[in-house]
Amino acid sequence: MTLGELFSLIRSRRENAPPGSYTARLLAAGEDEIVKKVGEEAVEVILAVKGQGNARVVSEVADLFYHSLVLLAARGLSLADVEAELGRRHQAAQQD
């Protein structure tokens, strides 16, 4: 699954929350809970890098990406917004 596909799925869960969906529950819990999960996952990425092996790093980064996408969806932002910012940064770096 690509990040774009995952983000589309997350947005669909925001619009049409199926019973039992973790994503729908997280979105319903609100921004504070989502931010808490992003923070937890960021710490877990650090811990994985510091001695848990590459497979664990990949797993934790996937969790961090997922929760970050949930945060974007909750705020009405998009993956395209992040991609545009990365493009602006790359363009600015090329001009330096």
PDB file of N, CA and C in Angstrom:
ATOM      1  N   MET A   1       0.846  -1.181   0.000  1.00  0.00           N
ATOM      2  CA  MET A   1       0.000   0.000   0.000  1.00  0.00           C
ATOM      3  C   MET A   1       0.890   1.242   0.000  1.00  0.00           C
ATOM      4  N   THR A   2       0.585   2.190  -0.840  1.00  0.00           N
ATOM      5  CA  THR A   2       1.331   3.446  -0.866  1.00  0.00           C
ATOM      6  C   THR A   2       0.806   4.376   0.221  1.00  0.00           C
ATOM      7  N   LEU A   3       1.589   5.416   0.512  1.00  0.00           N
ATOM      8  CA  LEU A   3       1.118   6.408   1.485  1.00  0.00           C
ATOM      9  C   LEU A   3      -0.152   7.091   0.987  1.00  0.00           C
ATOM     10  N   GLY A   4      -0.230   7.323  -0.307  1.00  0.00           N
ATOM     11  CA  GLY A   4      -1.429   7.937  -0.877  1.00  0.00           C
ATOM     12  C   GLY A   4      -2.658   7.065  -0.698  1.00  0.00           C
ATOM     13  N   GLU A   5      -2.494   5.761  -0.925  1.00  0.00           N
ATOM     14  CA  GLU A   5      -3.614   4.834  -0.722  1.00  0.00           C
ATOM     15  C   GLU A   5      -4.021   4.782   0.745  1.00  0.00           C
ATOM     16  N   LEU A   6      -3.030   4.734   1.621  1.00  0.00           N
ATOM     17  CA  LEU A   6      -3.315   4.715   3.052  1.00  0.00           C
ATOM     18  C   LEU A   6      -4.043   5.987   3.470  1.00  0.00           C
ATOM     19  N   PHE A   7      -3.599   7.129   2.961  1.00  0.00           N
ATOM     20  CA  PHE A   7      -4.242   8.382   3.322  1.00  0.00           C
ATOM     21  C   PHE A   7      -5.687   8.408   2.829  1.00  0.00           C
ATOM     22  N   SER A   8      -5.930   7.898   1.635  1.00  0.00           N
ATOM     23  CA  SER A   8      -7.308   7.827   1.124  1.00  0.00           C
ATOM     24  C   SER A   8      -8.175   6.961   2.029  1.00  0.00           C
ATOM     25  N   LEU A   9      -7.636   5.852   2.484  1.00  0.00           N
ATOM     26  CA  LEU A   9      -8.376   4.973   3.391  1.00  0.00           C
ATOM     27  C   LEU A   9      -8.677   5.685   4.714  1.00  0.00           C
ATOM     28  N   ILE A  10      -7.683   6.390   5.245  1.00  0.00           N
ATOM     29  CA  ILE A  10      -7.881   7.134   6.498  1.00  0.00           C
ATOM     30  C   ILE A  10      -8.987   8.177   6.323  1.00  0.00           C
ATOM     31  N   ARG A  11      -8.939   8.913   5.220  1.00  0.00           N
ATOM     32  CA  ARG A  11      -9.979   9.924   4.978  1.00  0.00           C
ATOM     33  C   ARG A  11     -11.358   9.285   4.838  1.00  0.00           C
ATOM     34  N   SER A  12     -11.411   8.121   4.211  1.00  0.00           N
ATOM     35  CA  SER A  12     -12.707   7.453   4.079  1.00  0.00           C
ATOM     36  C   SER A  12     -13.229   7.018   5.448  1.00  0.00           C
ATOM     37  N   ARG A  13     -12.332   6.640   6.352  1.00  0.00           N
ATOM     38  CA  ARG A  13     -12.739   6.270   7.712  1.00  0.00           C
ATOM     39  C   ARG A  13     -13.257   7.496   8.470  1.00  0.00           C
ATOM     40  N   ARG A  14     -12.714   8.664   8.144  1.00  0.00           N
ATOM     41  CA  ARG A  14     -13.188   9.899   8.777  1.00  0.00           C
ATOM     42  C   ARG A  14     -14.614  10.210   8.320  1.00  0.00           C
ATOM     43  N   GLU A  15     -14.885   9.970   7.044  1.00  0.00           N
ATOM     44  CA  GLU A  15     -16.189  10.300   6.476  1.00  0.00           C
ATOM     45  C   GLU A  15     -17.243   9.230   6.769  1.00  0.00           C
ATOM     46  N   ASN A  16     -16.816   7.980   6.811  1.00  0.00           N
ATOM     47  CA  ASN A  16     -17.746   6.869   6.966  1.00  0.00           C
ATOM     48  C   ASN A  16     -17.113   5.858   7.904  1.00  0.00           C
ATOM     49  N   ALA A  17     -17.318   6.051   9.193  1.00  0.00           N
ATOM     50  CA  ALA A  17     -16.639   5.267  10.224  1.00  0.00           C
ATOM     51  C   ALA A  17     -17.273   3.887  10.389  1.00  0.00           C
ATOM     52  N   PRO A  18     -16.607   2.847   9.874  1.00  0.00           N
ATOM     53  CA  PRO A  18     -17.170   1.506  10.065  1.00  0.00           C
ATOM     54  C   PRO A  18     -16.977   1.039  11.508  1.00  0.00           C
ATOM     55  N   PRO A  19     -17.904   0.241  12.004  1.00  0.00           N
ATOM     56  CA  PRO A  19     -17.779  -0.276  13.376  1.00  0.00           C
ATOM     57  C   PRO A  19     -16.485  -1.071  13.536  1.00  0.00           C
ATOM     58  N   GLY A  20     -15.811  -0.860  14.653  1.00  0.00           N
ATOM     59  CA  GLY A  20     -14.598  -1.614  14.940  1.00  0.00           C
ATOM     60  C   GLY A  20     -13.332  -1.068  14.312  1.00  0.00           C
ATOM     61  N   SER A  21     -13.414   0.013  13.574  1.00  0.00           N
ATOM     62  CA  SER A  21     -12.243   0.585  12.918  1.00  0.00           C
ATOM     63  C   SER A  21     -11.385   1.353  13.918  1.00  0.00           C
ATOM     64  N   TYR A  22     -10.119   0.948  14.051  1.00  0.00           N
ATOM     65  CA  TYR A  22      -9.197   1.672  14.925  1.00  0.00           C
ATOM     66  C   TYR A  22      -9.046   3.112  14.452  1.00  0.00           C
ATOM     67  N   THR A  23      -8.927   3.292  13.154  1.00  0.00           N
ATOM     68  CA  THR A  23      -8.763   4.642  12.598  1.00  0.00           C
ATOM     69  C   THR A  23      -9.956   5.514  12.955  1.00  0.00           C
ATOM     70  N   ALA A  24     -11.151   4.986  12.793  1.00  0.00           N
ATOM     71  CA  ALA A  24     -12.357   5.758  13.115  1.00  0.00           C
ATOM     72  C   ALA A  24     -12.398   6.095  14.603  1.00  0.00           C
ATOM     73  N   ARG A  25     -12.024   5.142  15.455  1.00  0.00           N
ATOM     74  CA  ARG A  25     -12.001   5.411  16.906  1.00  0.00           C
ATOM     75  C   ARG A  25     -10.980   6.487  17.249  1.00  0.00           C
ATOM     76  N   LEU A  26      -9.818   6.415  16.621  1.00  0.00           N
ATOM     77  CA  LEU A  26      -8.771   7.405  16.880  1.00  0.00           C
ATOM     78  C   LEU A  26      -9.219   8.793  16.433  1.00  0.00           C
ATOM     79  N   LEU A  27      -9.817   8.880  15.267  1.00  0.00           N
ATOM     80  CA  LEU A  27     -10.318  10.169  14.789  1.00  0.00           C
ATOM     81  C   LEU A  27     -11.411  10.711  15.716  1.00  0.00           C
ATOM     82  N   ALA A  28     -12.279   9.831  16.184  1.00  0.00           N
ATOM     83  CA  ALA A  28     -13.353  10.262  17.087  1.00  0.00           C
ATOM     84  C   ALA A  28     -12.806  10.703  18.439  1.00  0.00           C
ATOM     85  N   ALA A  29     -11.675  10.140  18.854  1.00  0.00           N
ATOM     86  CA  ALA A  29     -11.075  10.499  20.144  1.00  0.00           C
ATOM     87  C   ALA A  29     -10.553  11.926  20.146  1.00  0.00           C
ATOM     88  N   GLY A  30     -10.226  12.442  18.966  1.00  0.00           N
ATOM     89  CA  GLY A  30      -9.812  13.839  18.861  1.00  0.00           C
ATOM     90  C   GLY A  30      -8.318  14.048  18.739  1.00  0.00           C
ATOM     91  N   GLU A  31      -7.996  15.285  18.473  1.00  0.00           N
ATOM     92  CA  GLU A  31      -6.616  15.656  18.173  1.00  0.00           C
ATOM     93  C   GLU A  31      -5.640  15.370  19.309  1.00  0.00           C
ATOM     94  N   ASP A  32      -6.046  15.605  20.536  1.00  0.00           N
ATOM     95  CA  ASP A  32      -5.121  15.351  21.652  1.00  0.00           C
ATOM     96  C   ASP A  32      -4.684  13.891  21.683  1.00  0.00           C
ATOM     97  N   GLU A  33      -5.617  12.977  21.470  1.00  0.00           N
ATOM     98  CA  GLU A  33      -5.275  11.549  21.468  1.00  0.00           C
ATOM     99  C   GLU A  33      -4.391  11.203  20.274  1.00  0.00           C
ATOM    100  N   ILE A  34      -4.682  11.788  19.131  1.00  0.00           N
ATOM    101  CA  ILE A  34      -3.876  11.527  17.934  1.00  0.00           C
ATOM    102  C   ILE A  34      -2.452  12.034  18.135  1.00  0.00           C
ATOM    103  N   VAL A  35      -2.309  13.231  18.672  1.00  0.00           N
ATOM    104  CA  VAL A  35      -0.984  13.804  18.920  1.00  0.00           C
ATOM    105  C   VAL A  35      -0.217  12.941  19.924  1.00  0.00           C
ATOM    106  N   LYS A  36      -0.910  12.439  20.919  1.00  0.00           N
ATOM    107  CA  LYS A  36      -0.280  11.548  21.883  1.00  0.00           C
ATOM    108  C   LYS A  36       0.286  10.315  21.181  1.00  0.00           C
ATOM    109  N   LYS A  37      -0.478   9.746  20.266  1.00  0.00           N
ATOM    110  CA  LYS A  37      -0.016   8.564  19.527  1.00  0.00           C
ATOM    111  C   LYS A  37       1.177   8.910  18.628  1.00  0.00           C
ATOM    112  N   VAL A  38       1.160  10.066  17.992  1.00  0.00           N
ATOM    113  CA  VAL A  38       2.298  10.483  17.163  1.00  0.00           C
ATOM    114  C   VAL A  38       3.548  10.574  18.024  1.00  0.00           C
ATOM    115  N   GLY A  39       3.428  11.175  19.200  1.00  0.00           N
ATOM    116  CA  GLY A  39       4.566  11.280  20.114  1.00  0.00           C
ATOM    117  C   GLY A  39       5.078   9.930  20.558  1.00  0.00           C
ATOM    118  N   GLU A  40       4.167   9.034  20.911  1.00  0.00           N
ATOM    119  CA  GLU A  40       4.571   7.686  21.330  1.00  0.00           C
ATOM    120  C   GLU A  40       5.320   6.970  20.215  1.00  0.00           C
ATOM    121  N   GLU A  41       4.802   7.089  19.007  1.00  0.00           N
ATOM    122  CA  GLU A  41       5.440   6.402  17.878  1.00  0.00           C
ATOM    123  C   GLU A  41       6.808   7.010  17.563  1.00  0.00           C
ATOM    124  N   ALA A  42       6.942   8.320  17.711  1.00  0.00           N
ATOM    125  CA  ALA A  42       8.245   8.956  17.477  1.00  0.00           C
ATOM    126  C   ALA A  42       9.287   8.422  18.462  1.00  0.00           C
ATOM    127  N   VAL A  43       8.891   8.285  19.723  1.00  0.00           N
ATOM    128  CA  VAL A  43       9.798   7.727  20.731  1.00  0.00           C
ATOM    129  C   VAL A  43      10.138   6.284  20.379  1.00  0.00           C
ATOM    130  N   GLU A  44       9.158   5.523  19.927  1.00  0.00           N
ATOM    131  CA  GLU A  44       9.408   4.129  19.568  1.00  0.00           C
ATOM    132  C   GLU A  44      10.356   4.005  18.380  1.00  0.00           C
ATOM    133  N   VAL A  45      10.294   4.958  17.442  1.00  0.00           N
ATOM    134  CA  VAL A  45      11.258   4.967  16.335  1.00  0.00           C
ATOM    135  C   VAL A  45      12.669   5.149  16.894  1.00  0.00           C
ATOM    136  N   ILE A  46      12.830   6.092  17.784  1.00  0.00           N
ATOM    137  CA  ILE A  46      14.146   6.349  18.380  1.00  0.00           C
ATOM    138  C   ILE A  46      14.666   5.106  19.099  1.00  0.00           C
ATOM    139  N   LEU A  47      13.818   4.489  19.901  1.00  0.00           N
ATOM    140  CA  LEU A  47      14.232   3.286  20.624  1.00  0.00           C
ATOM    141  C   LEU A  47      14.612   2.160  19.671  1.00  0.00           C
ATOM    142  N   ALA A  48      13.864   2.015  18.598  1.00  0.00           N
ATOM    143  CA  ALA A  48      14.172   0.975  17.616  1.00  0.00           C
ATOM    144  C   ALA A  48      15.522   1.214  16.955  1.00  0.00           C
ATOM    145  N   VAL A  49      15.790   2.461  16.616  1.00  0.00           N
ATOM    146  CA  VAL A  49      17.066   2.806  15.981  1.00  0.00           C
ATOM    147  C   VAL A  49      18.235   2.523  16.919  1.00  0.00           C
ATOM    148  N   LYS A  50      18.000   2.690  18.198  1.00  0.00           N
ATOM    149  CA  LYS A  50      19.076   2.532  19.180  1.00  0.00           C
ATOM    150  C   LYS A  50      19.243   1.097  19.663  1.00  0.00           C
ATOM    151  N   GLY A  51      18.882   0.113  18.856  1.00  0.00           N
ATOM    152  CA  GLY A  51      19.242  -1.239  19.235  1.00  0.00           C
ATOM    153  C   GLY A  51      18.222  -2.332  19.000  1.00  0.00           C
ATOM    154  N   GLN A  52      17.172  -2.062  18.240  1.00  0.00           N
ATOM    155  CA  GLN A  52      16.167  -3.102  18.045  1.00  0.00           C
ATOM    156  C   GLN A  52      16.179  -3.688  16.635  1.00  0.00           C
ATOM    157  N   GLY A  53      17.103  -3.264  15.802  1.00  0.00           N
ATOM    158  CA  GLY A  53      17.224  -3.846  14.471  1.00  0.00           C
ATOM    159  C   GLY A  53      16.386  -3.147  13.416  1.00  0.00           C
ATOM    160  N   ASN A  54      16.769  -3.371  12.171  1.00  0.00           N
ATOM    161  CA  ASN A  54      16.133  -2.676  11.050  1.00  0.00           C
ATOM    162  C   ASN A  54      14.668  -3.035  10.862  1.00  0.00           C
ATOM    163  N   ALA A  55      14.305  -4.293  11.086  1.00  0.00           N
ATOM    164  CA  ALA A  55      12.904  -4.677  10.923  1.00  0.00           C
ATOM    165  C   ALA A  55      12.024  -3.888  11.898  1.00  0.00           C
ATOM    166  N   ARG A  56      12.505  -3.701  13.109  1.00  0.00           N
ATOM    167  CA  ARG A  56      11.747  -2.939  14.104  1.00  0.00           C
ATOM    168  C   ARG A  56      11.694  -1.462  13.723  1.00  0.00           C
ATOM    169  N   VAL A  57      12.794  -0.935  13.175  1.00  0.00           N
ATOM    170  CA  VAL A  57      12.808   0.457  12.716  1.00  0.00           C
ATOM    171  C   VAL A  57      11.731   0.655  11.643  1.00  0.00           C
ATOM    172  N   VAL A  58      11.699  -0.241  10.676  1.00  0.00           N
ATOM    173  CA  VAL A  58      10.701  -0.136   9.601  1.00  0.00           C
ATOM    174  C   VAL A  58       9.284  -0.197  10.174  1.00  0.00           C
ATOM    175  N   SER A  59       9.056  -1.112  11.097  1.00  0.00           N
ATOM    176  CA  SER A  59       7.741  -1.255  11.707  1.00  0.00           C
ATOM    177  C   SER A  59       7.320   0.014  12.441  1.00  0.00           C
ATOM    178  N   GLU A  60       8.227   0.574  13.209  1.00  0.00           N
ATOM    179  CA  GLU A  60       7.905   1.776  13.981  1.00  0.00           C
ATOM    180  C   GLU A  60       7.745   3.012  13.094  1.00  0.00           C
ATOM    181  N   VAL A  61       8.542   3.112  12.037  1.00  0.00           N
ATOM    182  CA  VAL A  61       8.375   4.236  11.104  1.00  0.00           C
ATOM    183  C   VAL A  61       7.022   4.116  10.401  1.00  0.00           C
ATOM    184  N   ALA A  62       6.613   2.894  10.064  1.00  0.00           N
ATOM    185  CA  ALA A  62       5.292   2.699   9.466  1.00  0.00           C
ATOM    186  C   ALA A  62       4.199   3.188  10.421  1.00  0.00           C
ATOM    187  N   ASP A  63       4.337   2.856  11.712  1.00  0.00           N
ATOM    188  CA  ASP A  63       3.367   3.337  12.705  1.00  0.00           C
ATOM    189  C   ASP A  63       3.367   4.863  12.790  1.00  0.00           C
ATOM    190  N   LEU A  64       4.554   5.455  12.757  1.00  0.00           N
ATOM    191  CA  LEU A  64       4.661   6.916  12.823  1.00  0.00           C
ATOM    192  C   LEU A  64       4.030   7.567  11.594  1.00  0.00           C
ATOM    193  N   PHE A  65       4.303   7.020  10.412  1.00  0.00           N
ATOM    194  CA  PHE A  65       3.688   7.549   9.188  1.00  0.00           C
ATOM    195  C   PHE A  65       2.161   7.461   9.292  1.00  0.00           C
ATOM    196  N   TYR A  66       1.658   6.297   9.695  1.00  0.00           N
ATOM    197  CA  TYR A  66       0.213   6.100   9.799  1.00  0.00           C
ATOM    198  C   TYR A  66      -0.414   7.134  10.735  1.00  0.00           C
ATOM    199  N   HIS A  67       0.128   7.266  11.931  1.00  0.00           N
ATOM    200  CA  HIS A  67      -0.458   8.196  12.902  1.00  0.00           C
ATOM    201  C   HIS A  67      -0.306   9.651  12.445  1.00  0.00           C
ATOM    202  N   SER A  68       0.766   9.966  11.739  1.00  0.00           N
ATOM    203  CA  SER A  68       0.929  11.316  11.189  1.00  0.00           C
ATOM    204  C   SER A  68      -0.122  11.591  10.121  1.00  0.00           C
ATOM    205  N   LEU A  69      -0.430  10.589   9.310  1.00  0.00           N
ATOM    206  CA  LEU A  69      -1.477  10.755   8.297  1.00  0.00           C
ATOM    207  C   LEU A  69      -2.850  10.917   8.943  1.00  0.00           C
ATOM    208  N   VAL A  70      -3.092  10.202  10.037  1.00  0.00           N
ATOM    209  CA  VAL A  70      -4.349  10.379  10.769  1.00  0.00           C
ATOM    210  C   VAL A  70      -4.443  11.816  11.282  1.00  0.00           C
ATOM    211  N   LEU A  71      -3.344  12.346  11.783  1.00  0.00           N
ATOM    212  CA  LEU A  71      -3.330  13.727  12.265  1.00  0.00           C
ATOM    213  C   LEU A  71      -3.639  14.707  11.137  1.00  0.00           C
ATOM    214  N   LEU A  72      -3.012  14.506   9.983  1.00  0.00           N
ATOM    215  CA  LEU A  72      -3.303  15.375   8.838  1.00  0.00           C
ATOM    216  C   LEU A  72      -4.790  15.324   8.493  1.00  0.00           C
ATOM    217  N   ALA A  73      -5.341  14.115   8.413  1.00  0.00           N
ATOM    218  CA  ALA A  73      -6.758  13.964   8.062  1.00  0.00           C
ATOM    219  C   ALA A  73      -7.653  14.637   9.090  1.00  0.00           C
ATOM    220  N   ALA A  74      -7.317  14.497  10.360  1.00  0.00           N
ATOM    221  CA  ALA A  74      -8.125  15.100  11.425  1.00  0.00           C
ATOM    222  C   ALA A  74      -8.144  16.616  11.313  1.00  0.00           C
ATOM    223  N   ARG A  75      -7.060  17.186  10.821  1.00  0.00           N
ATOM    224  CA  ARG A  75      -6.966  18.648  10.700  1.00  0.00           C
ATOM    225  C   ARG A  75      -7.442  19.158   9.345  1.00  0.00           C
ATOM    226  N   GLY A  76      -7.900  18.250   8.489  1.00  0.00           N
ATOM    227  CA  GLY A  76      -8.366  18.663   7.163  1.00  0.00           C
ATOM    228  C   GLY A  76      -7.230  18.984   6.215  1.00  0.00           C
ATOM    229  N   LEU A  77      -6.038  18.503   6.539  1.00  0.00           N
ATOM    230  CA  LEU A  77      -4.873  18.692   5.674  1.00  0.00           C
ATOM    231  C   LEU A  77      -4.718  17.456   4.806  1.00  0.00           C
ATOM    232  N   SER A  78      -3.775  17.508   3.867  1.00  0.00           N
ATOM    233  CA  SER A  78      -3.612  16.379   2.966  1.00  0.00           C
ATOM    234  C   SER A  78      -2.149  16.004   2.810  1.00  0.00           C
ATOM    235  N   LEU A  79      -1.948  14.833   2.278  1.00  0.00           N
ATOM    236  CA  LEU A  79      -0.602  14.395   1.941  1.00  0.00           C
ATOM    237  C   LEU A  79      -0.010  15.331   0.889  1.00  0.00           C
ATOM    238  N   ALA A  80      -0.851  15.840   0.013  1.00  0.00           N
ATOM    239  CA  ALA A  80      -0.398  16.797  -0.996  1.00  0.00           C
ATOM    240  C   ALA A  80       0.143  18.081  -0.352  1.00  0.00           C
ATOM    241  N   ASP A  81      -0.415  18.484   0.775  1.00  0.00           N
ATOM    242  CA  ASP A  81       0.101  19.661   1.485  1.00  0.00           C
ATOM    243  C   ASP A  81       1.539  19.429   1.933  1.00  0.00           C
ATOM    244  N   VAL A  82       1.812  18.227   2.435  1.00  0.00           N
ATOM    245  CA  VAL A  82       3.168  17.887   2.880  1.00  0.00           C
ATOM    246  C   VAL A  82       4.103  17.794   1.672  1.00  0.00           C
ATOM    247  N   GLU A  83       3.634  17.170   0.608  1.00  0.00           N
ATOM    248  CA  GLU A  83       4.455  17.054  -0.599  1.00  0.00           C
ATOM    249  C   GLU A  83       4.782  18.435  -1.169  1.00  0.00           C
ATOM    250  N   ALA A  84       3.822  19.344  -1.131  1.00  0.00           N
ATOM    251  CA  ALA A  84       4.062  20.707  -1.614  1.00  0.00           C
ATOM    252  C   ALA A  84       5.121  21.402  -0.772  1.00  0.00           C
ATOM    253  N   GLU A  85       5.055  21.207   0.538  1.00  0.00           N
ATOM    254  CA  GLU A  85       6.062  21.804   1.418  1.00  0.00           C
ATOM    255  C   GLU A  85       7.446  21.232   1.130  1.00  0.00           C
ATOM    256  N   LEU A  86       7.517  19.941   0.932  1.00  0.00           N
ATOM    257  CA  LEU A  86       8.804  19.326   0.582  1.00  0.00           C
ATOM    258  C   LEU A  86       9.319  19.878  -0.736  1.00  0.00           C
ATOM    259  N   GLY A  87       8.427  20.087  -1.688  1.00  0.00           N
ATOM    260  CA  GLY A  87       8.820  20.684  -2.964  1.00  0.00           C
ATOM    261  C   GLY A  87       9.349  22.095  -2.795  1.00  0.00           C
ATOM    262  N   ARG A  88       8.675  22.893  -1.948  1.00  0.00           N
ATOM    263  CA  ARG A  88       9.150  24.264  -1.692  1.00  0.00           C
ATOM    264  C   ARG A  88      10.536  24.237  -1.056  1.00  0.00           C
ATOM    265  N   ARG A  89      10.748  23.328  -0.120  1.00  0.00           N
ATOM    266  CA  ARG A  89      12.051  23.231   0.533  1.00  0.00           C
ATOM    267  C   ARG A  89      13.133  22.814  -0.447  1.00  0.00           C
ATOM    268  N   HIS A  90      12.805  21.865  -1.311  1.00  0.00           N
ATOM    269  CA  HIS A  90      13.788  21.415  -2.290  1.00  0.00           C
ATOM    270  C   HIS A  90      14.139  22.548  -3.248  1.00  0.00           C
ATOM    271  N   GLN A  91      13.131  23.270  -3.675  1.00  0.00           N
ATOM    272  CA  GLN A  91      13.362  24.404  -4.580  1.00  0.00           C
ATOM    273  C   GLN A  91      14.210  25.469  -3.914  1.00  0.00           C
ATOM    274  N   ALA A  92      13.935  25.769  -2.649  1.00  0.00           N
ATOM    275  CA  ALA A  92      14.720  26.760  -1.910  1.00  0.00           C
ATOM    276  C   ALA A  92      16.167  26.294  -1.746  1.00  0.00           C
ATOM    277  N   ALA A  93      16.366  25.005  -1.501  1.00  0.00           N
ATOM    278  CA  ALA A  93      17.721  24.469  -1.342  1.00  0.00           C
ATOM    279  C   ALA A  93      18.498  24.555  -2.655  1.00  0.00           C
ATOM    280  N   GLN A  94      17.802  24.406  -3.764  1.00  0.00           N
ATOM    281  CA  GLN A  94      18.453  24.490  -5.079  1.00  0.00           C
ATOM    282  C   GLN A  94      18.914  25.921  -5.383  1.00  0.00           C
ATOM    283  N   GLN A  95      18.259  26.895  -4.754  1.00  0.00           N
ATOM    284  CA  GLN A  95      18.593  28.297  -4.994  1.00  0.00           C
ATOM    285  C   GLN A  95      19.723  28.784  -4.100  1.00  0.00           C
ATOM    286  N   ASP A  96      20.044  28.012  -3.065  1.00  0.00           N
ATOM    287  CA  ASP A  96      21.122  28.428  -2.137  1.00  0.00           C
ATOM    288  C   ASP A  96      22.485  28.198  -2.744  1.00  0.00           C
TER     289      ASP A  96
END
